[in-house]
Protein backbone atom coordinates (compact mmCIF):
# COMPACT_ATOMS: atom_id res chain seq x y z
CA MET A 1 89.40 55.83 67.15
CA THR A 2 88.26 53.56 69.98
CA ARG A 3 88.13 55.16 73.43
CA ILE A 4 88.27 53.06 76.59
CA SER A 5 86.86 54.24 79.91
CA VAL A 6 87.16 52.81 83.42
CA GLU A 7 84.62 53.43 86.16
CA LEU A 8 86.00 54.38 89.57
CA VAL A 9 83.71 54.82 92.59
CA PRO A 10 84.63 57.81 94.84
CA ARG A 11 84.02 56.08 98.18
CA ASP A 12 87.33 57.23 99.63
CA ILE A 13 89.19 60.23 98.20
CA GLU A 14 92.69 58.92 98.96
CA VAL A 15 91.86 55.51 97.50
CA LEU A 16 90.43 57.21 94.39
CA LYS A 17 93.61 59.25 93.95
CA GLU A 18 95.77 56.13 94.27
CA GLU A 19 93.62 54.14 91.84
CA VAL A 20 93.61 56.79 89.15
CA LYS A 21 97.32 57.51 89.60
CA THR A 22 98.15 53.82 89.18
CA ILE A 23 95.93 53.47 86.10
CA LYS A 24 97.53 56.54 84.51
CA GLU A 25 101.04 55.26 85.16
CA LYS A 26 100.54 51.64 84.13
CA LEU A 27 97.74 51.44 81.56
CA ASN A 28 98.20 53.46 78.40
CA ASP A 29 95.07 51.91 76.88
CA VAL A 30 92.75 53.75 79.29
CA ASP A 31 91.65 57.06 77.79
CA PHE A 32 89.40 58.48 80.48
CA ILE A 33 87.59 57.81 83.77
CA ASN A 34 83.88 57.62 84.60
CA ILE A 35 82.69 58.62 88.07
CA PRO A 36 79.27 57.31 89.21
CA ASP A 37 77.08 59.37 91.51
CA LEU A 38 76.14 57.04 94.36
CA LEU A 39 74.08 58.08 97.36
CA SER A 40 76.24 55.79 99.51
CA CYS A 41 79.25 58.04 98.80
CA ASP A 42 79.88 61.39 100.46
CA THR A 43 81.63 62.66 97.32
CA ARG A 44 79.39 63.69 94.44
CA SER A 45 80.42 62.59 90.97
CA TRP A 46 81.44 66.06 89.75
CA ASP A 47 83.65 66.60 92.81
CA GLY A 48 85.22 63.17 92.25
CA ALA A 49 85.74 64.11 88.60
CA ASN A 50 87.63 67.22 89.68
CA ILE A 51 90.03 65.03 91.67
CA VAL A 52 90.60 62.78 88.66
CA LYS A 53 91.33 65.81 86.44
CA ALA A 54 94.75 66.01 88.08
CA TYR A 55 95.63 62.79 86.21
CA PHE A 56 93.29 62.55 83.20
CA ASP A 57 92.19 65.37 80.92
CA ASP A 58 88.90 63.63 80.20
CA VAL A 59 86.56 62.61 83.03
CA VAL A 60 82.84 61.83 82.75
CA PRO A 61 80.76 62.27 85.92
CA HIS A 62 77.37 60.53 86.06
CA LEU A 63 74.34 62.68 86.85
CA ARG A 64 71.13 61.24 88.30
CA ALA A 65 68.20 62.94 86.56
CA MET A 66 65.88 62.54 89.55
CA ASP A 67 68.23 64.63 91.69
CA PHE A 68 67.45 67.76 89.67
CA ASP A 69 64.32 69.91 89.48
CA PHE A 70 63.79 70.28 85.74
CA THR A 71 61.77 73.50 86.25
CA LYS A 72 64.90 75.30 87.51
CA GLU A 73 68.32 76.04 86.08
CA LEU A 74 70.95 73.33 86.40
CA PRO A 75 72.43 73.96 89.90
CA ILE A 76 75.84 72.49 89.06
CA LYS A 77 76.66 74.67 86.05
CA ASP A 78 79.24 76.74 87.92
CA LYS A 79 80.92 73.64 89.34
CA LEU A 80 81.17 71.95 85.93
CA ARG A 81 82.69 75.08 84.42
CA GLU A 82 85.06 75.58 87.34
CA TYR A 83 86.26 71.98 87.03
CA ASN A 84 86.47 72.23 83.23
CA ILE A 85 84.22 69.19 82.78
CA LYS A 86 83.45 68.69 79.08
CA GLU A 87 81.37 65.48 79.14
CA VAL A 88 78.65 64.05 81.40
CA LEU A 89 76.59 60.86 81.46
CA VAL A 90 72.92 61.39 82.35
CA ILE A 91 71.08 58.43 83.84
CA GLU A 92 67.63 58.13 85.39
CA GLY A 93 68.86 57.15 88.86
CA ASP A 94 67.50 54.72 91.44
CA PRO A 95 65.13 56.02 94.16
CA PRO A 96 66.89 56.65 97.49
CA GLN A 97 66.41 54.29 100.41
CA SER A 98 65.81 57.21 102.76
CA MET A 99 62.81 59.47 102.26
CA LEU A 100 64.89 62.33 103.71
CA TYR A 101 66.70 62.55 100.38
CA GLN A 102 65.01 64.97 97.96
CA VAL A 103 64.25 63.66 94.47
CA TYR A 104 62.06 64.91 91.64
CA PRO A 105 59.89 63.37 88.91
CA THR A 106 62.61 64.24 86.42
CA ILE A 107 63.59 61.81 83.67
CA SER A 108 66.83 61.66 81.74
CA THR A 109 65.48 63.36 78.61
CA ASP A 110 64.51 66.39 80.75
CA ILE A 111 68.10 66.86 81.91
CA ILE A 112 69.63 66.06 78.53
CA LYS A 113 67.45 68.78 77.01
CA LYS A 114 68.44 71.25 79.75
CA PHE A 115 72.10 70.70 78.94
CA SER A 116 71.35 71.34 75.28
CA GLU A 117 69.72 74.64 76.24
CA GLU A 118 71.88 75.81 79.15
CA MET A 119 75.31 74.23 78.56
CA PRO A 120 75.58 73.31 74.85
CA GLU A 121 79.38 73.21 75.19
CA ILE A 122 79.06 69.96 77.21
CA THR A 123 78.84 66.63 75.42
CA VAL A 124 76.00 64.67 76.99
CA TYR A 125 75.87 60.88 76.95
CA ALA A 126 72.85 58.80 77.92
CA GLY A 127 72.41 55.26 79.22
CA ILE A 128 71.14 52.12 77.52
CA ASP A 129 69.64 49.33 79.62
CA GLN A 130 69.37 46.38 77.26
CA TYR A 131 67.76 44.22 79.97
CA ARG A 132 64.81 46.28 81.18
CA SER A 133 62.47 45.67 78.23
CA SER A 134 62.35 44.58 74.61
CA MET A 135 64.86 45.81 72.04
CA LYS A 136 62.04 47.68 70.31
CA GLU A 137 61.11 49.56 73.49
CA GLU A 138 64.73 50.33 74.32
CA GLU A 139 65.33 51.62 70.79
CA TYR A 140 62.41 54.02 71.29
CA ARG A 141 64.03 55.34 74.50
CA ILE A 142 67.36 55.72 72.69
CA ARG A 143 65.82 57.74 69.86
CA ARG A 144 64.02 60.01 72.34
CA LYS A 145 67.32 60.66 74.14
CA GLN A 146 68.94 61.45 70.79
CA LEU A 147 66.21 63.98 70.03
CA ALA A 148 66.75 65.56 73.46
CA GLY A 149 70.42 66.08 72.62
CA ALA A 150 72.37 62.96 73.65
CA LYS A 151 75.53 62.62 71.55
CA GLY A 152 76.40 59.05 72.55
CA PHE A 153 75.44 56.14 74.78
CA PHE A 154 76.88 53.95 77.53
CA THR A 155 75.30 50.50 77.84
CA GLN A 156 74.75 48.28 80.82
CA PRO A 157 77.32 45.46 80.98
CA PHE A 158 77.14 42.78 78.32
CA PHE A 159 78.10 39.14 79.01
CA ASP A 160 77.29 37.59 75.65
CA MET A 161 78.91 38.62 72.36
CA ARG A 162 75.88 37.41 70.39
CA TYR A 163 73.58 39.78 72.24
CA LEU A 164 76.10 42.62 71.90
CA GLU A 165 76.29 42.07 68.14
CA MET A 166 72.48 42.26 67.89
CA TYR A 167 72.57 45.63 69.63
CA ALA A 168 75.46 46.71 67.40
CA ASP A 169 73.17 46.23 64.40
CA LEU A 170 70.38 48.16 66.12
CA LEU A 171 72.68 51.05 67.09
CA ASP A 172 74.64 51.28 63.86
CA GLY A 173 75.96 54.79 63.32
CA LEU A 174 75.72 55.89 66.97
CA ASP A 175 78.61 56.70 69.32
CA ILE A 176 78.48 53.66 71.60
CA TYR A 177 80.41 52.62 74.71
CA TRP A 178 79.92 48.88 75.29
CA GLY A 179 79.70 48.13 79.00
CA VAL A 180 81.73 45.28 80.50
CA SER A 181 81.76 44.33 84.19
CA PRO A 182 83.39 41.29 85.81
CA VAL A 183 81.04 38.98 87.71
CA LEU A 184 83.13 36.87 90.06
CA SER A 185 80.80 35.02 92.43
CA GLU A 186 77.58 33.05 92.41
CA ARG A 187 76.05 35.79 94.56
CA SER A 188 76.83 38.35 91.86
CA VAL A 189 75.46 36.01 89.20
CA SER A 190 72.22 35.80 91.18
CA TYR A 191 72.11 39.59 91.53
CA TRP A 192 72.47 40.18 87.79
CA ARG A 193 69.93 37.47 86.98
CA ASN A 194 67.27 38.53 89.49
CA LYS A 195 67.81 42.28 89.71
CA ASN A 196 68.76 43.08 86.12
CA ASN A 197 67.21 40.19 84.15
CA VAL A 198 70.52 39.07 82.65
CA ILE A 199 70.70 35.72 80.89
CA PHE A 200 74.30 34.51 80.96
CA PRO A 201 75.68 32.48 78.05
CA LYS A 202 76.11 28.74 78.44
CA ASP A 203 79.90 28.99 78.68
CA PHE A 204 79.88 31.71 81.37
CA GLU A 205 82.05 31.18 84.43
CA PRO A 206 82.27 33.59 87.39
CA THR A 207 86.07 33.58 87.26
CA LEU A 208 88.59 36.33 86.69
CA GLU A 209 89.96 34.45 83.67
CA TRP A 210 86.58 34.19 81.91
CA ASN A 211 85.77 37.84 82.55
CA ILE A 212 89.16 39.05 81.36
CA GLU A 213 88.87 37.03 78.16
CA PHE A 214 85.36 38.37 77.52
CA ALA A 215 86.50 41.98 78.03
CA ARG A 216 89.30 41.39 75.52
CA LYS A 217 86.74 40.11 72.99
CA VAL A 218 84.60 43.21 73.45
CA ILE A 219 87.60 45.51 73.01
CA GLU A 220 88.62 43.64 69.86
CA PHE A 221 85.06 43.99 68.50
CA ALA A 222 84.97 47.70 69.39
CA ARG A 223 88.27 48.43 67.69
CA LYS A 224 87.19 46.55 64.58
CA HIS A 225 83.94 48.56 64.32
CA ASN A 226 85.21 51.93 65.60
CA HIS A 227 83.14 51.70 68.80
CA ASN A 228 84.21 52.32 72.41
CA VAL A 229 84.38 50.35 75.66
CA TYR A 230 83.31 51.11 79.23
CA LEU A 231 84.93 48.87 81.88
CA MET A 232 83.22 48.63 85.28
CA PRO A 233 85.31 46.60 87.76
CA ILE A 234 82.60 46.94 90.41
CA LYS A 235 83.51 44.00 92.65
CA ALA A 236 86.87 43.01 91.20
CA LYS A 237 90.29 44.11 92.39
CA ILE A 238 90.88 46.85 89.88
CA MET A 239 94.50 46.42 88.81
CA PRO A 240 94.61 42.59 88.47
CA TYR A 241 91.49 42.79 86.31
CA LEU A 242 92.66 45.72 84.16
CA GLU A 243 96.21 44.42 83.78
CA GLY A 244 94.76 41.11 82.59
CA VAL A 245 92.47 42.85 80.11
CA PHE A 246 95.28 44.94 78.63
CA ALA A 247 98.06 42.35 78.77
CA LYS A 248 99.92 42.37 75.44
C-alpha cells in the first residue's frame, strides 16, 4: 500500500502544532510526517517528532550523520524510546556555517550500521540524491546503505517523470519514497539548478498549478507501482498546495 509523507519544519512549535493538526483533520491521504533536523531551528527533529506524535502515530525525524560520533553509543537512544519513535531517516548533513557547532567525520552508513547494532527495533531509511553524481555512482551508494541496514529510501525532489521512471527501473524491488517539492519562483529555479544540478523539463513552470499537477502524477505513478511519496512544501503555503494535490 502506498504511504504518503509530508515534511514539516519545526521552526515554531505553535505553528508546527497548527500545521499538523490541520493536516490530520483535513487530509486523509497523508499517512505520516517527516521532521527535518535543521541547524537554523532551535527544536531538534526528534523533539519535533514527539510533538507531532500527538496527532500522527507515525513520524520520521531526520538525523544528520555528521552530528554523531560514530565511536560512541547513539546519544539519542533514550529520547527515541521515550517518544516511541519507530522510524528515522539518516542523511549525511550539510556542514554548519558556524565553526562553534561540533560535527564529526561520520557518514550515513556509519549511523545506519549503529542503529542496526544498537536499536534494531527502529526502521532506518536513507537518502538518495539523484543529482550529485551519475546513476551508477548513486546506485553504489544505495547498495552500501542497504548493506549497512537501510530498509528504504527517500529521494531528493523529482521534477521530471522521465527521470523518475529511469530511477524506478534502477531501484526496482526497494522501498522507495519519491520526493516532490514545489518550486514557485525563478529564484528557486536558479537555486535548484545551481546548487543541486537539477535540469528542469521543457514544460516546467514555477507555478502552483504546474507543481500540483506534477505531484498528482507522481502519486498516481507510486500507487500504480506500490511505491510511496514524500511531499516537501518547502517554500509553498502548505495547505493550498496539499489541498490542490489531494483534491478529488
